[in-house]
PDB file of N, CA and C in Angstrom:
ATOM      1  N   MET A   1       9.075 -34.817-119.752  1.00  0.00           N
ATOM      2  CA  MET A   1       8.740 -34.743-121.389  1.00  0.00           C
ATOM      3  C   MET A   1       7.814 -35.725-121.609  1.00  0.00           C
ATOM      4  N   ALA A   2       7.016 -34.757-122.753  1.00  0.00           N
ATOM      5  CA  ALA A   2       5.669 -35.041-123.479  1.00  0.00           C
ATOM      6  C   ALA A   2       5.654 -36.167-124.176  1.00  0.00           C
ATOM      7  N   LEU A   3       4.117 -36.693-123.650  1.00  0.00           N
ATOM      8  CA  LEU A   3       4.039 -38.161-124.689  1.00  0.00           C
ATOM      9  C   LEU A   3       4.166 -37.181-125.971  1.00  0.00           C
ATOM     10  N   SER A   4       4.160 -36.175-126.449  1.00  0.00           N
ATOM     11  CA  SER A   4       4.218 -36.025-127.955  1.00  0.00           C
ATOM     12  C   SER A   4       5.684 -35.723-128.272  1.00  0.00           C
ATOM     13  N   ASN A   5       6.682 -35.842-127.183  1.00  0.00           N
ATOM     14  CA  ASN A   5       7.794 -36.380-127.565  1.00  0.00           C
ATOM     15  C   ASN A   5       8.375 -37.913-128.053  1.00  0.00           C
ATOM     16  N   TYR A   6       7.936 -38.473-128.000  1.00  0.00           N
ATOM     17  CA  TYR A   6       7.537 -39.669-128.044  1.00  0.00           C
ATOM     18  C   TYR A   6       8.424 -40.248-129.539  1.00  0.00           C
ATOM     19  N   PRO A   7       7.460 -39.829-130.488  1.00  0.00           N
ATOM     20  CA  PRO A   7       7.701 -40.283-131.874  1.00  0.00           C
ATOM     21  C   PRO A   7       8.974 -39.454-132.479  1.00  0.00           C
ATOM     22  N   ALA A   8       9.408 -38.308-131.719  1.00  0.00           N
ATOM     23  CA  ALA A   8      10.788 -37.480-132.058  1.00  0.00           C
ATOM     24  C   ALA A   8      11.899 -38.211-131.386  1.00  0.00           C
ATOM     25  N   ILE A   9      11.617 -38.539-130.039  1.00  0.00           N
ATOM     26  CA  ILE A   9      13.044 -39.664-129.192  1.00  0.00           C
ATOM     27  C   ILE A   9      12.858 -41.119-130.270  1.00  0.00           C
ATOM     28  N   ILE A  10      11.950 -41.539-130.713  1.00  0.00           N
ATOM     29  CA  ILE A  10      12.047 -43.049-131.488  1.00  0.00           C
ATOM     30  C   ILE A  10      12.496 -42.920-133.093  1.00  0.00           C
ATOM     31  N   HIS A  11      12.671 -42.035-133.645  1.00  0.00           N
ATOM     32  CA  HIS A  11      12.740 -41.837-134.772  1.00  0.00           C
ATOM     33  C   HIS A  11      14.349 -41.142-134.491  1.00  0.00           C
ATOM     34  N   GLY A  12      14.752 -40.011-133.838  1.00  0.00           N
ATOM     35  CA  GLY A  12      15.639 -39.862-133.283  1.00  0.00           C
ATOM     36  C   GLY A  12      16.906 -41.054-133.038  1.00  0.00           C
ATOM     37  N   PHE A  13      16.915 -41.802-132.182  1.00  0.00           N
ATOM     38  CA  PHE A  13      17.289 -43.223-131.844  1.00  0.00           C
ATOM     39  C   PHE A  13      17.370 -43.606-133.095  1.00  0.00           C
ATOM     40  N   THR A  14      16.596 -44.196-133.446  1.00  0.00           N
ATOM     41  CA  THR A  14      16.499 -45.657-134.544  1.00  0.00           C
ATOM     42  C   THR A  14      17.384 -44.995-135.638  1.00  0.00           C
ATOM     43  N   SER A  15      17.791 -43.786-135.950  1.00  0.00           N
ATOM     44  CA  SER A  15      18.404 -43.155-137.076  1.00  0.00           C
ATOM     45  C   SER A  15      19.829 -43.240-136.977  1.00  0.00           C
ATOM     46  N   LYS A  16      20.298 -43.458-135.443  1.00  0.00           N
ATOM     47  CA  LYS A  16      21.487 -43.762-134.552  1.00  0.00           C
ATOM     48  C   LYS A  16      21.708 -44.896-134.539  1.00  0.00           C
ATOM     49  N   GLY A  17      20.829 -45.870-134.976  1.00  0.00           N
ATOM     50  CA  GLY A  17      21.019 -47.133-135.164  1.00  0.00           C
ATOM     51  C   GLY A  17      20.798 -48.067-133.451  1.00  0.00           C
ATOM     52  N   ILE A  18      20.067 -47.100-133.169  1.00  0.00           N
ATOM     53  CA  ILE A  18      19.249 -48.065-131.748  1.00  0.00           C
ATOM     54  C   ILE A  18      17.933 -48.769-132.101  1.00  0.00           C
ATOM     55  N   GLY A  19      17.816 -50.023-131.848  1.00  0.00           N
ATOM     56  CA  GLY A  19      16.648 -50.444-132.157  1.00  0.00           C
ATOM     57  C   GLY A  19      15.331 -49.964-131.289  1.00  0.00           C
ATOM     58  N   SER A  20      14.363 -49.467-132.130  1.00  0.00           N
ATOM     59  CA  SER A  20      13.056 -49.070-131.424  1.00  0.00           C
ATOM     60  C   SER A  20      12.293 -49.788-129.954  1.00  0.00           C
ATOM     61  N   GLU A  21      13.157 -51.302-129.569  1.00  0.00           N
ATOM     62  CA  GLU A  21      12.480 -52.149-129.139  1.00  0.00           C
ATOM     63  C   GLU A  21      13.099 -51.883-127.563  1.00  0.00           C
ATOM     64  N   ASP A  22      14.489 -51.090-128.153  1.00  0.00           N
ATOM     65  CA  ASP A  22      15.568 -51.072-126.778  1.00  0.00           C
ATOM     66  C   ASP A  22      14.993 -49.291-126.298  1.00  0.00           C
ATOM     67  N   ILE A  23      14.464 -48.539-126.867  1.00  0.00           N
ATOM     68  CA  ILE A  23      14.008 -46.851-126.601  1.00  0.00           C
ATOM     69  C   ILE A  23      12.877 -46.922-125.583  1.00  0.00           C
ATOM     70  N   GLN A  24      12.958 -47.052-124.831  1.00  0.00           N
ATOM     71  CA  GLN A  24      12.286 -46.433-123.880  1.00  0.00           C
ATOM     72  C   GLN A  24      12.023 -45.093-122.976  1.00  0.00           C
ATOM     73  N   PRO A  25      11.654 -44.217-123.150  1.00  0.00           N
ATOM     74  CA  PRO A  25      11.243 -42.703-122.760  1.00  0.00           C
ATOM     75  C   PRO A  25      11.175 -43.293-121.297  1.00  0.00           C
ATOM     76  N   ARG A  26      11.427 -42.166-120.503  1.00  0.00           N
ATOM     77  CA  ARG A  26      11.257 -42.112-118.909  1.00  0.00           C
ATOM     78  C   ARG A  26      12.096 -43.332-118.136  1.00  0.00           C
ATOM     79  N   VAL A  27      12.692 -44.587-119.007  1.00  0.00           N
ATOM     80  CA  VAL A  27      13.004 -45.528-118.415  1.00  0.00           C
ATOM     81  C   VAL A  27      14.782 -45.531-118.775  1.00  0.00           C
ATOM     82  N   ASN A  28      14.713 -45.472-120.114  1.00  0.00           N
ATOM     83  CA  ASN A  28      16.194 -45.190-120.233  1.00  0.00           C
ATOM     84  C   ASN A  28      16.915 -44.299-121.218  1.00  0.00           C
ATOM     85  N   VAL A  29      15.847 -43.279-121.291  1.00  0.00           N
ATOM     86  CA  VAL A  29      16.563 -41.932-122.028  1.00  0.00           C
ATOM     87  C   VAL A  29      16.150 -40.910-121.306  1.00  0.00           C
ATOM     88  N   PHE A  30      16.986 -40.111-120.893  1.00  0.00           N
ATOM     89  CA  PHE A  30      17.151 -39.083-119.959  1.00  0.00           C
ATOM     90  C   PHE A  30      18.348 -37.825-120.405  1.00  0.00           C
ATOM     91  N   THR A  31      17.797 -36.726-119.750  1.00  0.00           N
ATOM     92  CA  THR A  31      18.744 -35.684-119.818  1.00  0.00           C
ATOM     93  C   THR A  31      20.066 -35.767-119.771  1.00  0.00           C
ATOM     94  N   PHE A  32      20.960 -35.366-120.022  1.00  0.00           N
ATOM     95  CA  PHE A  32      22.523 -34.840-119.267  1.00  0.00           C
ATOM     96  C   PHE A  32      22.446 -35.146-118.041  1.00  0.00           C
ATOM     97  N   ASN A  33      21.694 -34.165-117.310  1.00  0.00           N
ATOM     98  CA  ASN A  33      21.518 -33.815-115.504  1.00  0.00           C
ATOM     99  C   ASN A  33      21.259 -35.182-115.131  1.00  0.00           C
ATOM    100  N   ALA A  34      20.001 -35.559-115.950  1.00  0.00           N
ATOM    101  CA  ALA A  34      19.160 -36.227-115.188  1.00  0.00           C
ATOM    102  C   ALA A  34      20.003 -37.813-115.158  1.00  0.00           C
ATOM    103  N   TRP A  35      21.147 -38.185-116.031  1.00  0.00           N
ATOM    104  CA  TRP A  35      21.733 -39.190-115.972  1.00  0.00           C
ATOM    105  C   TRP A  35      23.014 -38.845-115.012  1.00  0.00           C
ATOM    106  N   LYS A  36      23.461 -37.821-115.104  1.00  0.00           N
ATOM    107  CA  LYS A  36      24.398 -37.071-113.902  1.00  0.00           C
ATOM    108  C   LYS A  36      24.152 -37.721-112.650  1.00  0.00           C
ATOM    109  N   ALA A  37      22.462 -37.407-112.271  1.00  0.00           N
ATOM    110  CA  ALA A  37      22.090 -37.544-110.883  1.00  0.00           C
ATOM    111  C   ALA A  37      22.029 -38.742-110.930  1.00  0.00           C
ATOM    112  N   LEU A  38      21.736 -40.015-111.674  1.00  0.00           N
ATOM    113  CA  LEU A  38      21.778 -41.249-111.484  1.00  0.00           C
ATOM    114  C   LEU A  38      23.284 -42.147-111.883  1.00  0.00           C
ATOM    115  N   ASN A  39      24.408 -41.229-111.345  1.00  0.00           N
ATOM    116  CA  ASN A  39      25.568 -41.732-111.319  1.00  0.00           C
ATOM    117  C   ASN A  39      26.123 -42.152-112.794  1.00  0.00           C
ATOM    118  N   ARG A  40      25.798 -41.103-113.989  1.00  0.00           N
ATOM    119  CA  ARG A  40      25.929 -42.160-115.007  1.00  0.00           C
ATOM    120  C   ARG A  40      26.473 -40.728-115.581  1.00  0.00           C
ATOM    121  N   ILE A  41      27.676 -40.874-116.812  1.00  0.00           N
ATOM    122  CA  ILE A  41      28.288 -39.643-117.541  1.00  0.00           C
ATOM    123  C   ILE A  41      28.228 -40.184-119.026  1.00  0.00           C
ATOM    124  N   VAL A  42      27.734 -38.927-119.740  1.00  0.00           N
ATOM    125  CA  VAL A  42      27.380 -39.376-121.500  1.00  0.00           C
ATOM    126  C   VAL A  42      28.700 -39.180-121.951  1.00  0.00           C
ATOM    127  N   LYS A  43      29.181 -40.533-122.780  1.00  0.00           N
ATOM    128  CA  LYS A  43      30.727 -40.720-123.292  1.00  0.00           C
ATOM    129  C   LYS A  43      30.901 -39.649-124.485  1.00  0.00           C
ATOM    130  N   LYS A  44      31.920 -39.108-124.342  1.00  0.00           N
ATOM    131  CA  LYS A  44      32.388 -37.783-125.022  1.00  0.00           C
ATOM    132  C   LYS A  44      32.088 -37.979-126.437  1.00  0.00           C
ATOM    133  N   GLY A  45      31.839 -37.165-127.367  1.00  0.00           N
ATOM    134  CA  GLY A  45      31.687 -37.351-128.707  1.00  0.00           C
ATOM    135  C   GLY A  45      29.825 -37.601-129.250  1.00  0.00           C
ATOM    136  N   GLU A  46      28.977 -38.174-127.558  1.00  0.00           N
ATOM    137  CA  GLU A  46      27.729 -38.894-128.328  1.00  0.00           C
ATOM    138  C   GLU A  46      26.986 -37.371-128.536  1.00  0.00           C
ATOM    139  N   HIS A  47      26.034 -37.577-129.291  1.00  0.00           N
ATOM    140  CA  HIS A  47      25.128 -36.780-129.573  1.00  0.00           C
ATOM    141  C   HIS A  47      23.917 -36.932-129.421  1.00  0.00           C
ATOM    142  N   GLY A  48      22.990 -36.265-128.773  1.00  0.00           N
ATOM    143  CA  GLY A  48      21.354 -37.135-128.293  1.00  0.00           C
ATOM    144  C   GLY A  48      20.289 -36.364-128.950  1.00  0.00           C
ATOM    145  N   VAL A  49      19.021 -36.557-128.399  1.00  0.00           N
ATOM    146  CA  VAL A  49      17.761 -36.199-129.755  1.00  0.00           C
ATOM    147  C   VAL A  49      17.395 -34.643-129.113  1.00  0.00           C
ATOM    148  N   LYS A  50      17.365 -33.962-129.464  1.00  0.00           N
ATOM    149  CA  LYS A  50      16.494 -32.582-129.391  1.00  0.00           C
ATOM    150  C   LYS A  50      15.236 -33.136-129.399  1.00  0.00           C
ATOM    151  N   ILE A  51      14.390 -32.420-127.940  1.00  0.00           N
ATOM    152  CA  ILE A  51      12.935 -32.419-127.729  1.00  0.00           C
ATOM    153  C   ILE A  51      12.579 -30.903-126.988  1.00  0.00           C
ATOM    154  N   GLU A  52      10.960 -30.911-126.965  1.00  0.00           N
ATOM    155  CA  GLU A  52      10.701 -29.689-127.053  1.00  0.00           C
ATOM    156  C   GLU A  52      10.005 -30.263-125.941  1.00  0.00           C
ATOM    157  N   THR A  53      10.229 -29.372-124.590  1.00  0.00           N
ATOM    158  CA  THR A  53       9.842 -29.322-123.374  1.00  0.00           C
ATOM    159  C   THR A  53       8.942 -28.375-122.758  1.00  0.00           C
ATOM    160  N   TRP A  54       8.056 -28.015-122.021  1.00  0.00           N
ATOM    161  CA  TRP A  54       7.273 -26.905-121.567  1.00  0.00           C
ATOM    162  C   TRP A  54       7.879 -26.975-120.014  1.00  0.00           C
ATOM    163  N   ILE A  55       8.149 -25.929-119.865  1.00  0.00           N
ATOM    164  CA  ILE A  55       8.831 -24.936-118.241  1.00  0.00           C
ATOM    165  C   ILE A  55       7.723 -24.099-117.458  1.00  0.00           C
ATOM    166  N   PRO A  56       7.449 -24.496-116.204  1.00  0.00           N
ATOM    167  CA  PRO A  56       6.090 -24.120-116.022  1.00  0.00           C
ATOM    168  C   PRO A  56       6.475 -22.809-115.105  1.00  0.00           C
ATOM    169  N   ILE A  57       5.961 -22.057-115.375  1.00  0.00           N
ATOM    170  CA  ILE A  57       6.043 -20.456-114.857  1.00  0.00           C
ATOM    171  C   ILE A  57       5.252 -20.610-113.244  1.00  0.00           C
ATOM    172  N   ARG A  58       5.775 -20.554-112.374  1.00  0.00           N
ATOM    173  CA  ARG A  58       5.057 -19.993-110.891  1.00  0.00           C
ATOM    174  C   ARG A  58       5.157 -19.019-110.567  1.00  0.00           C
ATOM    175  N   LYS A  59       4.051 -18.396-110.251  1.00  0.00           N
ATOM    176  CA  LYS A  59       3.668 -17.217-109.463  1.00  0.00           C
ATOM    177  C   LYS A  59       3.090 -17.124-108.217  1.00  0.00           C
ATOM    178  N   ASP A  60       3.657 -16.434-107.360  1.00  0.00           N
ATOM    179  CA  ASP A  60       2.710 -16.575-105.654  1.00  0.00           C
ATOM    180  C   ASP A  60       1.803 -15.306-106.222  1.00  0.00           C
ATOM    181  N   VAL A  61       0.232 -15.982-105.811  1.00  0.00           N
ATOM    182  CA  VAL A  61      -1.057 -15.180-106.315  1.00  0.00           C
ATOM    183  C   VAL A  61      -1.654 -15.412-104.675  1.00  0.00           C
ATOM    184  N   GLU A  62      -2.602 -14.237-104.445  1.00  0.00           N
ATOM    185  CA  GLU A  62      -3.476 -14.329-103.043  1.00  0.00           C
ATOM    186  C   GLU A  62      -4.923 -14.779-103.668  1.00  0.00           C
ATOM    187  N   ASN A  63      -5.349 -15.658-102.721  1.00  0.00           N
ATOM    188  CA  ASN A  63      -6.322 -16.378-103.005  1.00  0.00           C
ATOM    189  C   ASN A  63      -7.530 -15.424-102.460  1.00  0.00           C
ATOM    190  N   LYS A  64      -8.554 -14.841-103.098  1.00  0.00           N
ATOM    191  CA  LYS A  64      -9.571 -13.480-102.463  1.00  0.00           C
ATOM    192  C   LYS A  64     -10.055 -13.963-101.909  1.00  0.00           C
ATOM    193  N   THR A  65     -10.550 -15.552-101.683  1.00  0.00           N
ATOM    194  CA  THR A  65     -11.904 -15.694-100.792  1.00  0.00           C
ATOM    195  C   THR A  65     -11.046 -16.178 -98.882  1.00  0.00           C
ATOM    196  N   THR A  66      -9.961 -16.877 -99.508  1.00  0.00           N
ATOM    197  CA  THR A  66      -9.223 -16.897 -98.511  1.00  0.00           C
ATOM    198  C   THR A  66      -8.125 -15.793 -97.905  1.00  0.00           C
ATOM    199  N   GLY A  67      -7.604 -15.120 -98.187  1.00  0.00           N
ATOM    200  CA  GLY A  67      -6.582 -14.221 -98.341  1.00  0.00           C
ATOM    201  C   GLY A  67      -5.053 -15.108 -98.151  1.00  0.00           C
ATOM    202  N   LYS A  68      -5.165 -16.096 -98.422  1.00  0.00           N
ATOM    203  CA  LYS A  68      -3.840 -16.664 -98.574  1.00  0.00           C
ATOM    204  C   LYS A  68      -3.359 -17.173 -99.885  1.00  0.00           C
ATOM    205  N   THR A  69      -1.737 -16.997 -99.941  1.00  0.00           N
ATOM    206  CA  THR A  69      -0.875 -16.835-101.250  1.00  0.00           C
ATOM    207  C   THR A  69      -0.388 -18.097-101.399  1.00  0.00           C
ATOM    208  N   GLU A  70      -1.206 -18.373-102.626  1.00  0.00           N
ATOM    209  CA  GLU A  70      -0.448 -19.894-102.862  1.00  0.00           C
ATOM    210  C   GLU A  70       0.388 -19.452-104.082  1.00  0.00           C
ATOM    211  N   ASN A  71       1.422 -20.286-104.135  1.00  0.00           N
ATOM    212  CA  ASN A  71       2.239 -20.417-105.422  1.00  0.00           C
ATOM    213  C   ASN A  71       1.416 -21.323-106.472  1.00  0.00           C
ATOM    214  N   LYS A  72       1.002 -20.894-107.338  1.00  0.00           N
ATOM    215  CA  LYS A  72       0.297 -21.426-108.788  1.00  0.00           C
ATOM    216  C   LYS A  72       1.144 -21.432-109.905  1.00  0.00           C
ATOM    217  N   VAL A  73       1.106 -22.172-111.062  1.00  0.00           N
ATOM    218  CA  VAL A  73       1.454 -22.271-112.040  1.00  0.00           C
ATOM    219  C   VAL A  73       0.488 -21.230-112.991  1.00  0.00           C
ATOM    220  N   VAL A  74       0.999 -20.489-113.527  1.00  0.00           N
ATOM    221  CA  VAL A  74       0.178 -18.961-114.262  1.00  0.00           C
ATOM    222  C   VAL A  74       0.298 -19.314-116.132  1.00  0.00           C
ATOM    223  N   ALA A  75       1.689 -19.985-116.496  1.00  0.00           N
ATOM    224  CA  ALA A  75       2.120 -19.661-117.554  1.00  0.00           C
ATOM    225  C   ALA A  75       2.956 -21.403-117.796  1.00  0.00           C
ATOM    226  N   ARG A  76       3.007 -21.303-118.846  1.00  0.00           N
ATOM    227  CA  ARG A  76       4.335 -22.481-119.726  1.00  0.00           C
ATOM    228  C   ARG A  76       4.750 -21.883-120.854  1.00  0.00           C
ATOM    229  N   ARG A  77       6.456 -22.372-120.419  1.00  0.00           N
ATOM    230  CA  ARG A  77       7.028 -21.785-121.914  1.00  0.00           C
ATOM    231  C   ARG A  77       7.753 -22.853-122.324  1.00  0.00           C
ATOM    232  N   PRO A  78       8.045 -22.764-123.701  1.00  0.00           N
ATOM    233  CA  PRO A  78       8.480 -23.990-124.653  1.00  0.00           C
ATOM    234  C   PRO A  78      10.301 -23.752-124.323  1.00  0.00           C
ATOM    235  N   ARG A  79      10.751 -25.441-124.206  1.00  0.00           N
ATOM    236  CA  ARG A  79      12.357 -24.685-124.009  1.00  0.00           C
ATOM    237  C   ARG A  79      13.059 -26.058-124.749  1.00  0.00           C
ATOM    238  N   ARG A  80      14.166 -25.895-125.382  1.00  0.00           N
ATOM    239  CA  ARG A  80      14.634 -27.184-126.290  1.00  0.00           C
ATOM    240  C   ARG A  80      15.624 -27.731-124.808  1.00  0.00           C
ATOM    241  N   ALA A  81      15.294 -29.198-125.063  1.00  0.00           N
ATOM    242  CA  ALA A  81      16.235 -30.257-124.493  1.00  0.00           C
ATOM    243  C   ALA A  81      16.436 -31.490-125.113  1.00  0.00           C
ATOM    244  N   THR A  82      17.800 -31.698-124.853  1.00  0.00           N
ATOM    245  CA  THR A  82      18.818 -32.882-125.320  1.00  0.00           C
ATOM    246  C   THR A  82      18.514 -34.419-124.202  1.00  0.00           C
ATOM    247  N   VAL A  83      18.240 -35.115-124.672  1.00  0.00           N
ATOM    248  CA  VAL A  83      17.867 -36.293-124.150  1.00  0.00           C
ATOM    249  C   VAL A  83      18.832 -37.334-124.900  1.00  0.00           C
ATOM    250  N   PHE A  84      19.595 -38.386-124.025  1.00  0.00           N
ATOM    251  CA  PHE A  84      20.577 -39.052-124.642  1.00  0.00           C
ATOM    252  C   PHE A  84      19.510 -40.680-124.120  1.00  0.00           C
ATOM    253  N   HIS A  85      20.353 -41.530-124.767  1.00  0.00           N
ATOM    254  CA  HIS A  85      19.710 -42.795-124.581  1.00  0.00           C
ATOM    255  C   HIS A  85      20.563 -43.644-123.743  1.00  0.00           C
ATOM    256  N   VAL A  86      20.481 -44.758-122.681  1.00  0.00           N
ATOM    257  CA  VAL A  86      21.486 -45.218-121.660  1.00  0.00           C
ATOM    258  C   VAL A  86      22.727 -45.959-122.341  1.00  0.00           C
ATOM    259  N   SER A  87      22.624 -46.775-123.782  1.00  0.00           N
ATOM    260  CA  SER A  87      23.789 -46.797-124.805  1.00  0.00           C
ATOM    261  C   SER A  87      24.607 -45.866-125.153  1.00  0.00           C
ATOM    262  N   GLN A  88      24.199 -44.684-124.495  1.00  0.00           N
ATOM    263  CA  GLN A  88      25.412 -43.264-125.232  1.00  0.00           C
ATOM    264  C   GLN A  88      26.066 -43.369-123.657  1.00  0.00           C
ATOM    265  N   THR A  89      25.870 -43.686-122.506  1.00  0.00           N
ATOM    266  CA  THR A  89      26.462 -43.304-121.293  1.00  0.00           C
ATOM    267  C   THR A  89      27.382 -44.257-120.361  1.00  0.00           C
ATOM    268  N   LYS A  90      28.261 -44.180-119.454  1.00  0.00           N
ATOM    269  CA  LYS A  90      28.761 -45.424-118.767  1.00  0.00           C
ATOM    270  C   LYS A  90      28.995 -44.537-117.310  1.00  0.00           C
ATOM    271  N   LEU A  91      28.815 -45.962-116.703  1.00  0.00           N
ATOM    272  CA  LEU A  91      28.598 -45.611-115.532  1.00  0.00           C
ATOM    273  C   LEU A  91      30.009 -45.009-114.964  1.00  0.00           C
ATOM    274  N   VAL A  92      29.780 -44.167-114.098  1.00  0.00           N
ATOM    275  CA  VAL A  92      30.774 -42.892-113.235  1.00  0.00           C
ATOM    276  C   VAL A  92      31.591 -44.492-111.994  1.00  0.00           C
ATOM    277  N   THR A  93      32.538 -44.638-112.183  1.00  0.00           N
ATOM    278  CA  THR A  93      33.597 -45.581-111.738  1.00  0.00           C
ATOM    279  C   THR A  93      34.319 -44.491-110.477  1.00  0.00           C
ATOM    280  N   ALA A  94      34.656 -44.580-109.220  1.00  0.00           N
ATOM    281  CA  ALA A  94      35.422 -43.819-107.977  1.00  0.00           C
ATOM    282  C   ALA A  94      36.357 -43.943-108.517  1.00  0.00           C
TER     283      ALA A  94
END
């Protein structure tokens, strides 16, 4: 998540009734899959906030001086992602 998404995240969640002091991107605001990895699920019917993120495109590039192949980022492409606040999730119970 880029820092440029912070205003959109704050605005999106405050409009949903979550206080701005409770919104901490990278602490309690994550994507669906990130919450799943943290053993939490998004509650049914919850809507997140859409943000723009940049995905690196990697390519094997041969270094002309050493002759070794290196995997380098050659470009970035924009992608949309949806993030959810911790209050929109619940802990998965066994």
